[in-house]
Amino acid sequence: MIGISSRVDDVVSFYRALEESDRPRAYFEFVDVEGWVDEGARALYETVEHEGELIAIRQIELPSAGGVHRYSWRRMEDAFGGLTDEPIDPHEDPVKPIPREAFVEVWNSLPHEV
């Protein structure tokens, strides 16, 4: 029987392999202008293509009330949320492309996980 921890390890390994790959990256920003979850909140995504879908490998959440949460294979989730497990579809999702530098600047300005 496969335990929960081995399945979690498989998921972490999957995202780690994608992040460490040399696949081209695409970057996106979502702004919650409709108030779906948190009006004014932003999310930034670094994605790679896998089997025809754009998979988020790093994600930054910027709640409207302040604060910041970042997710990757190193920290898949916390009490506030987690790395999306849904592909990013720029044709269907309300996201816009952003330059790599915009994502990296915010990512690098955050404290590293412990």
PDB file of N, CA and C in Angstrom:
ATOM      1  N   MET A   1       0.838  -1.184   0.000  1.00  0.00           N
ATOM      2  CA  MET A   1       0.000   0.000   0.000  1.00  0.00           C
ATOM      3  C   MET A   1       0.882   1.246   0.000  1.00  0.00           C
ATOM      4  N   ILE A   2       0.541   2.183  -0.858  1.00  0.00           N
ATOM      5  CA  ILE A   2       1.295   3.433  -0.939  1.00  0.00           C
ATOM      6  C   ILE A   2       0.741   4.388   0.104  1.00  0.00           C
ATOM      7  N   GLY A   3       1.624   4.926   0.923  1.00  0.00           N
ATOM      8  CA  GLY A   3       1.198   5.861   1.954  1.00  0.00           C
ATOM      9  C   GLY A   3       1.084   7.271   1.421  1.00  0.00           C
ATOM     10  N   ILE A   4       0.442   8.110   2.210  1.00  0.00           N
ATOM     11  CA  ILE A   4       0.266   9.513   1.821  1.00  0.00           C
ATOM     12  C   ILE A   4       1.613  10.186   1.618  1.00  0.00           C
ATOM     13  N   SER A   5       2.577   9.909   2.495  1.00  0.00           N
ATOM     14  CA  SER A   5       3.869  10.592   2.374  1.00  0.00           C
ATOM     15  C   SER A   5       4.561  10.251   1.061  1.00  0.00           C
ATOM     16  N   SER A   6       4.424   9.021   0.567  1.00  0.00           N
ATOM     17  CA  SER A   6       5.069   8.691  -0.707  1.00  0.00           C
ATOM     18  C   SER A   6       4.383   9.401  -1.866  1.00  0.00           C
ATOM     19  N   ARG A   7       3.062   9.586  -1.795  1.00  0.00           N
ATOM     20  CA  ARG A   7       2.361  10.330  -2.843  1.00  0.00           C
ATOM     21  C   ARG A   7       2.771  11.796  -2.814  1.00  0.00           C
ATOM     22  N   VAL A   8       2.912  12.353  -1.619  1.00  0.00           N
ATOM     23  CA  VAL A   8       3.369  13.741  -1.494  1.00  0.00           C
ATOM     24  C   VAL A   8       4.772  13.863  -2.070  1.00  0.00           C
ATOM     25  N   ASP A   9       5.630  12.897  -1.762  1.00  0.00           N
ATOM     26  CA  ASP A   9       6.991  12.909  -2.312  1.00  0.00           C
ATOM     27  C   ASP A   9       6.967  12.870  -3.835  1.00  0.00           C
ATOM     28  N   ASP A  10       6.055  12.085  -4.413  1.00  0.00           N
ATOM     29  CA  ASP A  10       5.935  12.019  -5.872  1.00  0.00           C
ATOM     30  C   ASP A  10       5.536  13.366  -6.459  1.00  0.00           C
ATOM     31  N   VAL A  11       4.600  14.046  -5.818  1.00  0.00           N
ATOM     32  CA  VAL A  11       4.144  15.360  -6.296  1.00  0.00           C
ATOM     33  C   VAL A  11       5.281  16.363  -6.201  1.00  0.00           C
ATOM     34  N   VAL A  12       5.964  16.382  -5.072  1.00  0.00           N
ATOM     35  CA  VAL A  12       7.089  17.299  -4.891  1.00  0.00           C
ATOM     36  C   VAL A  12       8.161  17.013  -5.939  1.00  0.00           C
ATOM     37  N   SER A  13       8.463  15.753  -6.173  1.00  0.00           N
ATOM     38  CA  SER A  13       9.471  15.380  -7.179  1.00  0.00           C
ATOM     39  C   SER A  13       9.065  15.833  -8.575  1.00  0.00           C
ATOM     40  N   PHE A  14       7.779  15.710  -8.900  1.00  0.00           N
ATOM     41  CA  PHE A  14       7.269  16.143 -10.198  1.00  0.00           C
ATOM     42  C   PHE A  14       7.512  17.642 -10.394  1.00  0.00           C
ATOM     43  N   TYR A  15       7.107  18.469  -9.417  1.00  0.00           N
ATOM     44  CA  TYR A  15       7.274  19.917  -9.544  1.00  0.00           C
ATOM     45  C   TYR A  15       8.747  20.315  -9.506  1.00  0.00           C
ATOM     46  N   ARG A  16       9.536  19.626  -8.706  1.00  0.00           N
ATOM     47  CA  ARG A  16      10.968  19.923  -8.659  1.00  0.00           C
ATOM     48  C   ARG A  16      11.612  19.651 -10.016  1.00  0.00           C
ATOM     49  N   ALA A  17      11.275  18.520 -10.620  1.00  0.00           N
ATOM     50  CA  ALA A  17      11.838  18.181 -11.933  1.00  0.00           C
ATOM     51  C   ALA A  17      11.448  19.222 -12.977  1.00  0.00           C
ATOM     52  N   LEU A  18      10.205  19.686 -12.937  1.00  0.00           N
ATOM     53  CA  LEU A  18       9.788  20.725 -13.884  1.00  0.00           C
ATOM     54  C   LEU A  18      10.565  22.015 -13.656  1.00  0.00           C
ATOM     55  N   GLU A  19      10.716  22.413 -12.383  1.00  0.00           N
ATOM     56  CA  GLU A  19      11.433  23.661 -12.097  1.00  0.00           C
ATOM     57  C   GLU A  19      12.898  23.564 -12.495  1.00  0.00           C
ATOM     58  N   GLU A  20      13.513  22.426 -12.283  1.00  0.00           N
ATOM     59  CA  GLU A  20      14.934  22.269 -12.581  1.00  0.00           C
ATOM     60  C   GLU A  20      15.201  21.956 -14.055  1.00  0.00           C
ATOM     61  N   SER A  21      14.143  21.780 -14.828  1.00  0.00           N
ATOM     62  CA  SER A  21      14.309  21.472 -16.249  1.00  0.00           C
ATOM     63  C   SER A  21      14.740  22.718 -17.024  1.00  0.00           C
ATOM     64  N   ASP A  22      15.160  22.494 -18.257  1.00  0.00           N
ATOM     65  CA  ASP A  22      15.544  23.615 -19.112  1.00  0.00           C
ATOM     66  C   ASP A  22      14.404  24.030 -20.041  1.00  0.00           C
ATOM     67  N   ARG A  23      13.186  23.641 -19.695  1.00  0.00           N
ATOM     68  CA  ARG A  23      12.026  24.022 -20.510  1.00  0.00           C
ATOM     69  C   ARG A  23      11.846  25.536 -20.492  1.00  0.00           C
ATOM     70  N   PRO A  24      11.389  26.101 -21.602  1.00  0.00           N
ATOM     71  CA  PRO A  24      11.117  27.545 -21.632  1.00  0.00           C
ATOM     72  C   PRO A  24      10.052  27.923 -20.596  1.00  0.00           C
ATOM     73  N   ARG A  25      10.204  29.116 -20.049  1.00  0.00           N
ATOM     74  CA  ARG A  25       9.274  29.622 -19.047  1.00  0.00           C
ATOM     75  C   ARG A  25       8.347  30.658 -19.664  1.00  0.00           C
ATOM     76  N   ALA A  26       7.162  30.768 -19.082  1.00  0.00           N
ATOM     77  CA  ALA A  26       6.224  31.851 -19.392  1.00  0.00           C
ATOM     78  C   ALA A  26       5.720  32.368 -18.054  1.00  0.00           C
ATOM     79  N   TYR A  27       5.458  33.665 -18.003  1.00  0.00           N
ATOM     80  CA  TYR A  27       5.096  34.319 -16.744  1.00  0.00           C
ATOM     81  C   TYR A  27       3.764  35.034 -16.913  1.00  0.00           C
ATOM     82  N   PHE A  28       2.946  34.963 -15.855  1.00  0.00           N
ATOM     83  CA  PHE A  28       1.604  35.533 -15.916  1.00  0.00           C
ATOM     84  C   PHE A  28       1.249  36.206 -14.600  1.00  0.00           C
ATOM     85  N   GLU A  29       0.307  37.145 -14.706  1.00  0.00           N
ATOM     86  CA  GLU A  29      -0.238  37.814 -13.526  1.00  0.00           C
ATOM     87  C   GLU A  29      -1.755  37.714 -13.568  1.00  0.00           C
ATOM     88  N   PHE A  30      -2.336  37.432 -12.424  1.00  0.00           N
ATOM     89  CA  PHE A  30      -3.785  37.454 -12.236  1.00  0.00           C
ATOM     90  C   PHE A  30      -4.089  38.538 -11.217  1.00  0.00           C
ATOM     91  N   VAL A  31      -5.050  39.408 -11.526  1.00  0.00           N
ATOM     92  CA  VAL A  31      -5.528  40.414 -10.576  1.00  0.00           C
ATOM     93  C   VAL A  31      -7.009  40.151 -10.359  1.00  0.00           C
ATOM     94  N   ASP A  32      -7.404  40.010  -9.104  1.00  0.00           N
ATOM     95  CA  ASP A  32      -8.804  39.727  -8.771  1.00  0.00           C
ATOM     96  C   ASP A  32      -9.602  41.026  -8.783  1.00  0.00           C
ATOM     97  N   VAL A  33     -10.007  41.448  -9.974  1.00  0.00           N
ATOM     98  CA  VAL A  33     -10.790  42.685 -10.111  1.00  0.00           C
ATOM     99  C   VAL A  33     -12.272  42.435  -9.885  1.00  0.00           C
ATOM    100  N   GLU A  34     -12.700  41.186  -9.948  1.00  0.00           N
ATOM    101  CA  GLU A  34     -14.110  40.831  -9.787  1.00  0.00           C
ATOM    102  C   GLU A  34     -14.468  40.522  -8.337  1.00  0.00           C
ATOM    103  N   GLY A  35     -13.468  40.385  -7.474  1.00  0.00           N
ATOM    104  CA  GLY A  35     -13.743  39.995  -6.096  1.00  0.00           C
ATOM    105  C   GLY A  35     -14.106  38.530  -5.962  1.00  0.00           C
ATOM    106  N   TRP A  36     -13.566  37.679  -6.841  1.00  0.00           N
ATOM    107  CA  TRP A  36     -13.858  36.243  -6.791  1.00  0.00           C
ATOM    108  C   TRP A  36     -13.451  35.648  -5.450  1.00  0.00           C
ATOM    109  N   VAL A  37     -12.259  36.018  -4.993  1.00  0.00           N
ATOM    110  CA  VAL A  37     -11.761  35.523  -3.713  1.00  0.00           C
ATOM    111  C   VAL A  37     -11.358  36.683  -2.823  1.00  0.00           C
ATOM    112  N   ASP A  38     -10.587  37.621  -3.369  1.00  0.00           N
ATOM    113  CA  ASP A  38     -10.040  38.739  -2.594  1.00  0.00           C
ATOM    114  C   ASP A  38      -9.832  39.905  -3.560  1.00  0.00           C
ATOM    115  N   GLU A  39     -10.819  40.753  -3.669  1.00  0.00           N
ATOM    116  CA  GLU A  39     -10.757  41.854  -4.637  1.00  0.00           C
ATOM    117  C   GLU A  39      -9.487  42.673  -4.445  1.00  0.00           C
ATOM    118  N   GLY A  40      -8.759  42.844  -5.531  1.00  0.00           N
ATOM    119  CA  GLY A  40      -7.511  43.592  -5.514  1.00  0.00           C
ATOM    120  C   GLY A  40      -6.277  42.727  -5.295  1.00  0.00           C
ATOM    121  N   ALA A  41      -6.469  41.477  -4.913  1.00  0.00           N
ATOM    122  CA  ALA A  41      -5.330  40.573  -4.717  1.00  0.00           C
ATOM    123  C   ALA A  41      -4.687  40.260  -6.066  1.00  0.00           C
ATOM    124  N   ARG A  42      -3.407  39.901  -6.012  1.00  0.00           N
ATOM    125  CA  ARG A  42      -2.669  39.542  -7.222  1.00  0.00           C
ATOM    126  C   ARG A  42      -2.003  38.186  -7.030  1.00  0.00           C
ATOM    127  N   ALA A  43      -1.813  37.499  -8.126  1.00  0.00           N
ATOM    128  CA  ALA A  43      -1.031  36.261  -8.129  1.00  0.00           C
ATOM    129  C   ALA A  43      -0.119  36.305  -9.346  1.00  0.00           C
ATOM    130  N   LEU A  44       1.130  35.932  -9.149  1.00  0.00           N
ATOM    131  CA  LEU A  44       2.114  35.862 -10.226  1.00  0.00           C
ATOM    132  C   LEU A  44       2.526  34.399 -10.385  1.00  0.00           C
ATOM    133  N   TYR A  45       2.689  33.976 -11.624  1.00  0.00           N
ATOM    134  CA  TYR A  45       3.002  32.579 -11.906  1.00  0.00           C
ATOM    135  C   TYR A  45       4.198  32.465 -12.841  1.00  0.00           C
ATOM    136  N   GLU A  46       5.075  31.516 -12.541  1.00  0.00           N
ATOM    137  CA  GLU A  46       6.097  31.064 -13.482  1.00  0.00           C
ATOM    138  C   GLU A  46       5.639  29.688 -13.952  1.00  0.00           C
ATOM    139  N   THR A  47       5.545  29.496 -15.260  1.00  0.00           N
ATOM    140  CA  THR A  47       5.016  28.249 -15.801  1.00  0.00           C
ATOM    141  C   THR A  47       5.984  27.609 -16.787  1.00  0.00           C
ATOM    142  N   VAL A  48       5.815  26.301 -16.954  1.00  0.00           N
ATOM    143  CA  VAL A  48       6.488  25.556 -18.019  1.00  0.00           C
ATOM    144  C   VAL A  48       5.441  24.681 -18.694  1.00  0.00           C
ATOM    145  N   GLU A  49       5.703  24.345 -19.949  1.00  0.00           N
ATOM    146  CA  GLU A  49       4.778  23.467 -20.657  1.00  0.00           C
ATOM    147  C   GLU A  49       5.083  22.012 -20.317  1.00  0.00           C
ATOM    148  N   HIS A  50       4.022  21.275 -20.044  1.00  0.00           N
ATOM    149  CA  HIS A  50       4.128  19.838 -19.783  1.00  0.00           C
ATOM    150  C   HIS A  50       2.909  19.169 -20.396  1.00  0.00           C
ATOM    151  N   GLU A  51       3.152  18.287 -21.344  1.00  0.00           N
ATOM    152  CA  GLU A  51       2.084  17.559 -22.026  1.00  0.00           C
ATOM    153  C   GLU A  51       1.001  18.497 -22.568  1.00  0.00           C
ATOM    154  N   GLY A  52       1.445  19.604 -23.157  1.00  0.00           N
ATOM    155  CA  GLY A  52       0.531  20.541 -23.804  1.00  0.00           C
ATOM    156  C   GLY A  52      -0.161  21.527 -22.885  1.00  0.00           C
ATOM    157  N   GLU A  53       0.171  21.504 -21.595  1.00  0.00           N
ATOM    158  CA  GLU A  53      -0.450  22.435 -20.645  1.00  0.00           C
ATOM    159  C   GLU A  53       0.622  23.266 -19.960  1.00  0.00           C
ATOM    160  N   LEU A  54       0.251  24.480 -19.553  1.00  0.00           N
ATOM    161  CA  LEU A  54       1.163  25.333 -18.798  1.00  0.00           C
ATOM    162  C   LEU A  54       0.965  25.058 -17.312  1.00  0.00           C
ATOM    163  N   ILE A  55       2.015  24.540 -16.681  1.00  0.00           N
ATOM    164  CA  ILE A  55       1.981  24.162 -15.276  1.00  0.00           C
ATOM    165  C   ILE A  55       2.736  25.217 -14.474  1.00  0.00           C
ATOM    166  N   ALA A  56       2.096  25.748 -13.433  1.00  0.00           N
ATOM    167  CA  ALA A  56       2.759  26.712 -12.551  1.00  0.00           C
ATOM    168  C   ALA A  56       3.783  25.965 -11.703  1.00  0.00           C
ATOM    169  N   ILE A  57       5.032  26.434 -11.753  1.00  0.00           N
ATOM    170  CA  ILE A  57       6.080  25.811 -10.945  1.00  0.00           C
ATOM    171  C   ILE A  57       6.504  26.711  -9.791  1.00  0.00           C
ATOM    172  N   ARG A  58       6.217  27.990  -9.923  1.00  0.00           N
ATOM    173  CA  ARG A  58       6.417  28.935  -8.815  1.00  0.00           C
ATOM    174  C   ARG A  58       5.251  29.913  -8.852  1.00  0.00           C
ATOM    175  N   GLN A  59       4.790  30.311  -7.665  1.00  0.00           N
ATOM    176  CA  GLN A  59       3.610  31.164  -7.568  1.00  0.00           C
ATOM    177  C   GLN A  59       3.786  32.119  -6.397  1.00  0.00           C
ATOM    178  N   ILE A  60       3.401  33.366  -6.616  1.00  0.00           N
ATOM    179  CA  ILE A  60       3.437  34.387  -5.570  1.00  0.00           C
ATOM    180  C   ILE A  60       2.020  34.900  -5.381  1.00  0.00           C
ATOM    181  N   GLU A  61       1.535  34.882  -4.144  1.00  0.00           N
ATOM    182  CA  GLU A  61       0.217  35.418  -3.802  1.00  0.00           C
ATOM    183  C   GLU A  61       0.417  36.719  -3.038  1.00  0.00           C
ATOM    184  N   LEU A  62      -0.253  37.775  -3.498  1.00  0.00           N
ATOM    185  CA  LEU A  62      -0.166  39.091  -2.870  1.00  0.00           C
ATOM    186  C   LEU A  62      -1.581  39.518  -2.475  1.00  0.00           C
ATOM    187  N   PRO A  63      -2.023  39.176  -1.242  1.00  0.00           N
ATOM    188  CA  PRO A  63      -3.372  39.523  -0.805  1.00  0.00           C
ATOM    189  C   PRO A  63      -3.589  41.031  -0.774  1.00  0.00           C
ATOM    190  N   SER A  64      -4.839  41.451  -0.940  1.00  0.00           N
ATOM    191  CA  SER A  64      -5.150  42.883  -0.961  1.00  0.00           C
ATOM    192  C   SER A  64      -4.865  43.542   0.384  1.00  0.00           C
ATOM    193  N   ALA A  65      -4.924  42.799   1.468  1.00  0.00           N
ATOM    194  CA  ALA A  65      -4.684  43.354   2.801  1.00  0.00           C
ATOM    195  C   ALA A  65      -3.200  43.427   3.139  1.00  0.00           C
ATOM    196  N   GLY A  66      -2.353  43.007   2.219  1.00  0.00           N
ATOM    197  CA  GLY A  66      -0.917  43.012   2.468  1.00  0.00           C
ATOM    198  C   GLY A  66      -0.413  41.611   2.761  1.00  0.00           C
ATOM    199  N   GLY A  67       0.871  41.514   2.898  1.00  0.00           N
ATOM    200  CA  GLY A  67       1.485  40.212   3.097  1.00  0.00           C
ATOM    201  C   GLY A  67       1.811  39.575   1.762  1.00  0.00           C
ATOM    202  N   VAL A  68       2.448  38.443   1.837  1.00  0.00           N
ATOM    203  CA  VAL A  68       2.844  37.745   0.620  1.00  0.00           C
ATOM    204  C   VAL A  68       3.046  36.271   0.957  1.00  0.00           C
ATOM    205  N   HIS A  69       2.720  35.430   0.005  1.00  0.00           N
ATOM    206  CA  HIS A  69       2.918  33.990   0.153  1.00  0.00           C
ATOM    207  C   HIS A  69       3.526  33.495  -1.149  1.00  0.00           C
ATOM    208  N   ARG A  70       4.540  32.650  -1.027  1.00  0.00           N
ATOM    209  CA  ARG A  70       5.124  32.099  -2.248  1.00  0.00           C
ATOM    210  C   ARG A  70       5.190  30.586  -2.146  1.00  0.00           C
ATOM    211  N   TYR A  71       4.996  29.965  -3.300  1.00  0.00           N
ATOM    212  CA  TYR A  71       4.898  28.511  -3.356  1.00  0.00           C
ATOM    213  C   TYR A  71       5.738  27.970  -4.504  1.00  0.00           C
ATOM    214  N   SER A  72       6.323  26.816  -4.260  1.00  0.00           N
ATOM    215  CA  SER A  72       7.081  26.074  -5.268  1.00  0.00           C
ATOM    216  C   SER A  72       7.176  24.646  -4.737  1.00  0.00           C
ATOM    217  N   TRP A  73       8.029  23.823  -5.329  1.00  0.00           N
ATOM    218  CA  TRP A  73       8.192  22.467  -4.803  1.00  0.00           C
ATOM    219  C   TRP A  73       8.765  22.493  -3.395  1.00  0.00           C
ATOM    220  N   ARG A  74       9.430  23.577  -3.027  1.00  0.00           N
ATOM    221  CA  ARG A  74      10.013  23.684  -1.685  1.00  0.00           C
ATOM    222  C   ARG A  74       8.950  23.904  -0.609  1.00  0.00           C
ATOM    223  N   ARG A  75       7.885  24.579  -0.969  1.00  0.00           N
ATOM    224  CA  ARG A  75       6.750  24.806  -0.066  1.00  0.00           C
ATOM    225  C   ARG A  75       5.502  24.772  -0.937  1.00  0.00           C
ATOM    226  N   MET A  76       4.882  23.618  -0.968  1.00  0.00           N
ATOM    227  CA  MET A  76       3.717  23.420  -1.827  1.00  0.00           C
ATOM    228  C   MET A  76       2.474  24.120  -1.279  1.00  0.00           C
ATOM    229  N   GLU A  77       2.367  24.197   0.052  1.00  0.00           N
ATOM    230  CA  GLU A  77       1.191  24.821   0.646  1.00  0.00           C
ATOM    231  C   GLU A  77       1.498  25.249   2.067  1.00  0.00           C
ATOM    232  N   ASP A  78       0.631  26.115   2.569  1.00  0.00           N
ATOM    233  CA  ASP A  78       0.694  26.533   3.958  1.00  0.00           C
ATOM    234  C   ASP A  78      -0.735  26.821   4.410  1.00  0.00           C
ATOM    235  N   ALA A  79      -0.885  27.477   5.539  1.00  0.00           N
ATOM    236  CA  ALA A  79      -2.224  27.747   6.084  1.00  0.00           C
ATOM    237  C   ALA A  79      -3.028  28.714   5.219  1.00  0.00           C
ATOM    238  N   PHE A  80      -2.371  29.418   4.299  1.00  0.00           N
ATOM    239  CA  PHE A  80      -3.040  30.443   3.496  1.00  0.00           C
ATOM    240  C   PHE A  80      -3.418  29.969   2.094  1.00  0.00           C
ATOM    241  N   GLY A  81      -2.784  28.908   1.627  1.00  0.00           N
ATOM    242  CA  GLY A  81      -3.058  28.442   0.269  1.00  0.00           C
ATOM    243  C   GLY A  81      -1.962  27.520  -0.207  1.00  0.00           C
ATOM    244  N   GLY A  82      -1.804  27.453  -1.528  1.00  0.00           N
ATOM    245  CA  GLY A  82      -0.775  26.581  -2.066  1.00  0.00           C
ATOM    246  C   GLY A  82      -0.597  26.764  -3.558  1.00  0.00           C
ATOM    247  N   LEU A  83       0.413  26.095  -4.061  1.00  0.00           N
ATOM    248  CA  LEU A  83       0.712  26.111  -5.489  1.00  0.00           C
ATOM    249  C   LEU A  83      -0.471  25.523  -6.242  1.00  0.00           C
ATOM    250  N   THR A  84      -0.966  26.261  -7.221  1.00  0.00           N
ATOM    251  CA  THR A  84      -2.131  25.776  -7.958  1.00  0.00           C
ATOM    252  C   THR A  84      -1.843  24.428  -8.607  1.00  0.00           C
ATOM    253  N   ASP A  85      -2.835  23.566  -8.575  1.00  0.00           N
ATOM    254  CA  ASP A  85      -2.692  22.275  -9.243  1.00  0.00           C
ATOM    255  C   ASP A  85      -3.459  22.251 -10.560  1.00  0.00           C
ATOM    256  N   GLU A  86      -3.955  23.408 -10.966  1.00  0.00           N
ATOM    257  CA  GLU A  86      -4.662  23.542 -12.239  1.00  0.00           C
ATOM    258  C   GLU A  86      -3.740  24.196 -13.266  1.00  0.00           C
ATOM    259  N   PRO A  87      -3.738  23.717 -14.500  1.00  0.00           N
ATOM    260  CA  PRO A  87      -2.933  24.374 -15.533  1.00  0.00           C
ATOM    261  C   PRO A  87      -3.383  25.822 -15.746  1.00  0.00           C
ATOM    262  N   ILE A  88      -2.456  26.656 -16.159  1.00  0.00           N
ATOM    263  CA  ILE A  88      -2.765  28.039 -16.514  1.00  0.00           C
ATOM    264  C   ILE A  88      -3.114  28.049 -18.001  1.00  0.00           C
ATOM    265  N   ASP A  89      -4.270  28.583 -18.327  1.00  0.00           N
ATOM    266  CA  ASP A  89      -4.703  28.677 -19.724  1.00  0.00           C
ATOM    267  C   ASP A  89      -4.891  30.150 -20.065  1.00  0.00           C
ATOM    268  N   PRO A  90      -3.902  30.766 -20.716  1.00  0.00           N
ATOM    269  CA  PRO A  90      -3.993  32.202 -20.997  1.00  0.00           C
ATOM    270  C   PRO A  90      -5.142  32.579 -21.926  1.00  0.00           C
ATOM    271  N   HIS A  91      -5.744  31.594 -22.593  1.00  0.00           N
ATOM    272  CA  HIS A  91      -6.885  31.876 -23.469  1.00  0.00           C
ATOM    273  C   HIS A  91      -8.200  31.832 -22.705  1.00  0.00           C
ATOM    274  N   GLU A  92      -8.231  31.126 -21.584  1.00  0.00           N
ATOM    275  CA  GLU A  92      -9.458  30.969 -20.800  1.00  0.00           C
ATOM    276  C   GLU A  92      -9.388  31.674 -19.443  1.00  0.00           C
ATOM    277  N   ASP A  93      -8.217  31.691 -18.831  1.00  0.00           N
ATOM    278  CA  ASP A  93      -8.060  32.289 -17.502  1.00  0.00           C
ATOM    279  C   ASP A  93      -7.835  33.792 -17.621  1.00  0.00           C
ATOM    280  N   PRO A  94      -8.298  34.555 -16.632  1.00  0.00           N
ATOM    281  CA  PRO A  94      -8.097  36.010 -16.669  1.00  0.00           C
ATOM    282  C   PRO A  94      -6.686  36.394 -16.212  1.00  0.00           C
ATOM    283  N   VAL A  95      -5.694  35.952 -16.969  1.00  0.00           N
ATOM    284  CA  VAL A  95      -4.295  36.269 -16.677  1.00  0.00           C
ATOM    285  C   VAL A  95      -3.719  37.052 -17.840  1.00  0.00           C
ATOM    286  N   LYS A  96      -2.661  37.795 -17.537  1.00  0.00           N
ATOM    287  CA  LYS A  96      -1.956  38.500 -18.611  1.00  0.00           C
ATOM    288  C   LYS A  96      -0.480  38.144 -18.521  1.00  0.00           C
ATOM    289  N   PRO A  97       0.192  38.061 -19.661  1.00  0.00           N
ATOM    290  CA  PRO A  97       1.628  37.786 -19.646  1.00  0.00           C
ATOM    291  C   PRO A  97       2.380  38.944 -18.992  1.00  0.00           C
ATOM    292  N   ILE A  98       3.433  38.610 -18.281  1.00  0.00           N
ATOM    293  CA  ILE A  98       4.312  39.622 -17.690  1.00  0.00           C
ATOM    294  C   ILE A  98       5.750  39.241 -18.039  1.00  0.00           C
ATOM    295  N   PRO A  99       6.662  40.209 -17.989  1.00  0.00           N
ATOM    296  CA  PRO A  99       8.069  39.886 -18.256  1.00  0.00           C
ATOM    297  C   PRO A  99       8.660  39.031 -17.135  1.00  0.00           C
ATOM    298  N   ARG A 100       9.605  38.200 -17.494  1.00  0.00           N
ATOM    299  CA  ARG A 100      10.312  37.374 -16.513  1.00  0.00           C
ATOM    300  C   ARG A 100      10.843  38.230 -15.370  1.00  0.00           C
ATOM    301  N   GLU A 101      11.400  39.376 -15.722  1.00  0.00           N
ATOM    302  CA  GLU A 101      12.018  40.247 -14.715  1.00  0.00           C
ATOM    303  C   GLU A 101      11.013  40.700 -13.657  1.00  0.00           C
ATOM    304  N   ALA A 102       9.773  40.926 -14.053  1.00  0.00           N
ATOM    305  CA  ALA A 102       8.744  41.358 -13.096  1.00  0.00           C
ATOM    306  C   ALA A 102       8.496  40.267 -12.059  1.00  0.00           C
ATOM    307  N   PHE A 103       8.441  39.020 -12.507  1.00  0.00           N
ATOM    308  CA  PHE A 103       8.242  37.906 -11.578  1.00  0.00           C
ATOM    309  C   PHE A 103       9.467  37.740 -10.681  1.00  0.00           C
ATOM    310  N   VAL A 104      10.639  37.669 -11.283  1.00  0.00           N
ATOM    311  CA  VAL A 104      11.874  37.398 -10.544  1.00  0.00           C
ATOM    312  C   VAL A 104      12.144  38.490  -9.512  1.00  0.00           C
ATOM    313  N   GLU A 105      11.865  39.739  -9.853  1.00  0.00           N
ATOM    314  CA  GLU A 105      12.094  40.832  -8.903  1.00  0.00           C
ATOM    315  C   GLU A 105      11.282  40.624  -7.628  1.00  0.00           C
ATOM    316  N   VAL A 106      10.020  40.272  -7.771  1.00  0.00           N
ATOM    317  CA  VAL A 106       9.183  40.041  -6.584  1.00  0.00           C
ATOM    318  C   VAL A 106       9.640  38.776  -5.862  1.00  0.00           C
ATOM    319  N   TRP A 107       9.867  37.694  -6.597  1.00  0.00           N
ATOM    320  CA  TRP A 107      10.285  36.429  -5.983  1.00  0.00           C
ATOM    321  C   TRP A 107      11.563  36.618  -5.161  1.00  0.00           C
ATOM    322  N   ASN A 108      12.551  37.293  -5.736  1.00  0.00           N
ATOM    323  CA  ASN A 108      13.837  37.467  -5.056  1.00  0.00           C
ATOM    324  C   ASN A 108      13.780  38.452  -3.899  1.00  0.00           C
ATOM    325  N   SER A 109      12.748  39.282  -3.843  1.00  0.00           N
ATOM    326  CA  SER A 109      12.632  40.248  -2.745  1.00  0.00           C
ATOM    327  C   SER A 109      12.033  39.616  -1.490  1.00  0.00           C
ATOM    328  N   LEU A 110      11.568  38.392  -1.591  1.00  0.00           N
ATOM    329  CA  LEU A 110      10.904  37.724  -0.471  1.00  0.00           C
ATOM    330  C   LEU A 110      11.898  36.909   0.337  1.00  0.00           C
ATOM    331  N   PRO A 111      11.625  36.775   1.649  1.00  0.00           N
ATOM    332  CA  PRO A 111      12.509  35.924   2.463  1.00  0.00           C
ATOM    333  C   PRO A 111      12.424  34.470   1.994  1.00  0.00           C
ATOM    334  N   HIS A 112      13.519  33.766   2.113  1.00  0.00           N
ATOM    335  CA  HIS A 112      13.545  32.352   1.719  1.00  0.00           C
ATOM    336  C   HIS A 112      12.847  31.512   2.772  1.00  0.00           C
ATOM    337  N   GLU A 113      12.256  30.404   2.316  1.00  0.00           N
ATOM    338  CA  GLU A 113      11.609  29.481   3.238  1.00  0.00           C
ATOM    339  C   GLU A 113      12.652  28.836   4.135  1.00  0.00           C
ATOM    340  N   VAL A 114      12.210  28.447   5.283  1.00  0.00           N
ATOM    341  CA  VAL A 114      13.094  27.784   6.241  1.00  0.00           C
ATOM    342  C   VAL A 114      13.145  26.305   5.962  1.00  0.00           C
TER     343      VAL A 114
END
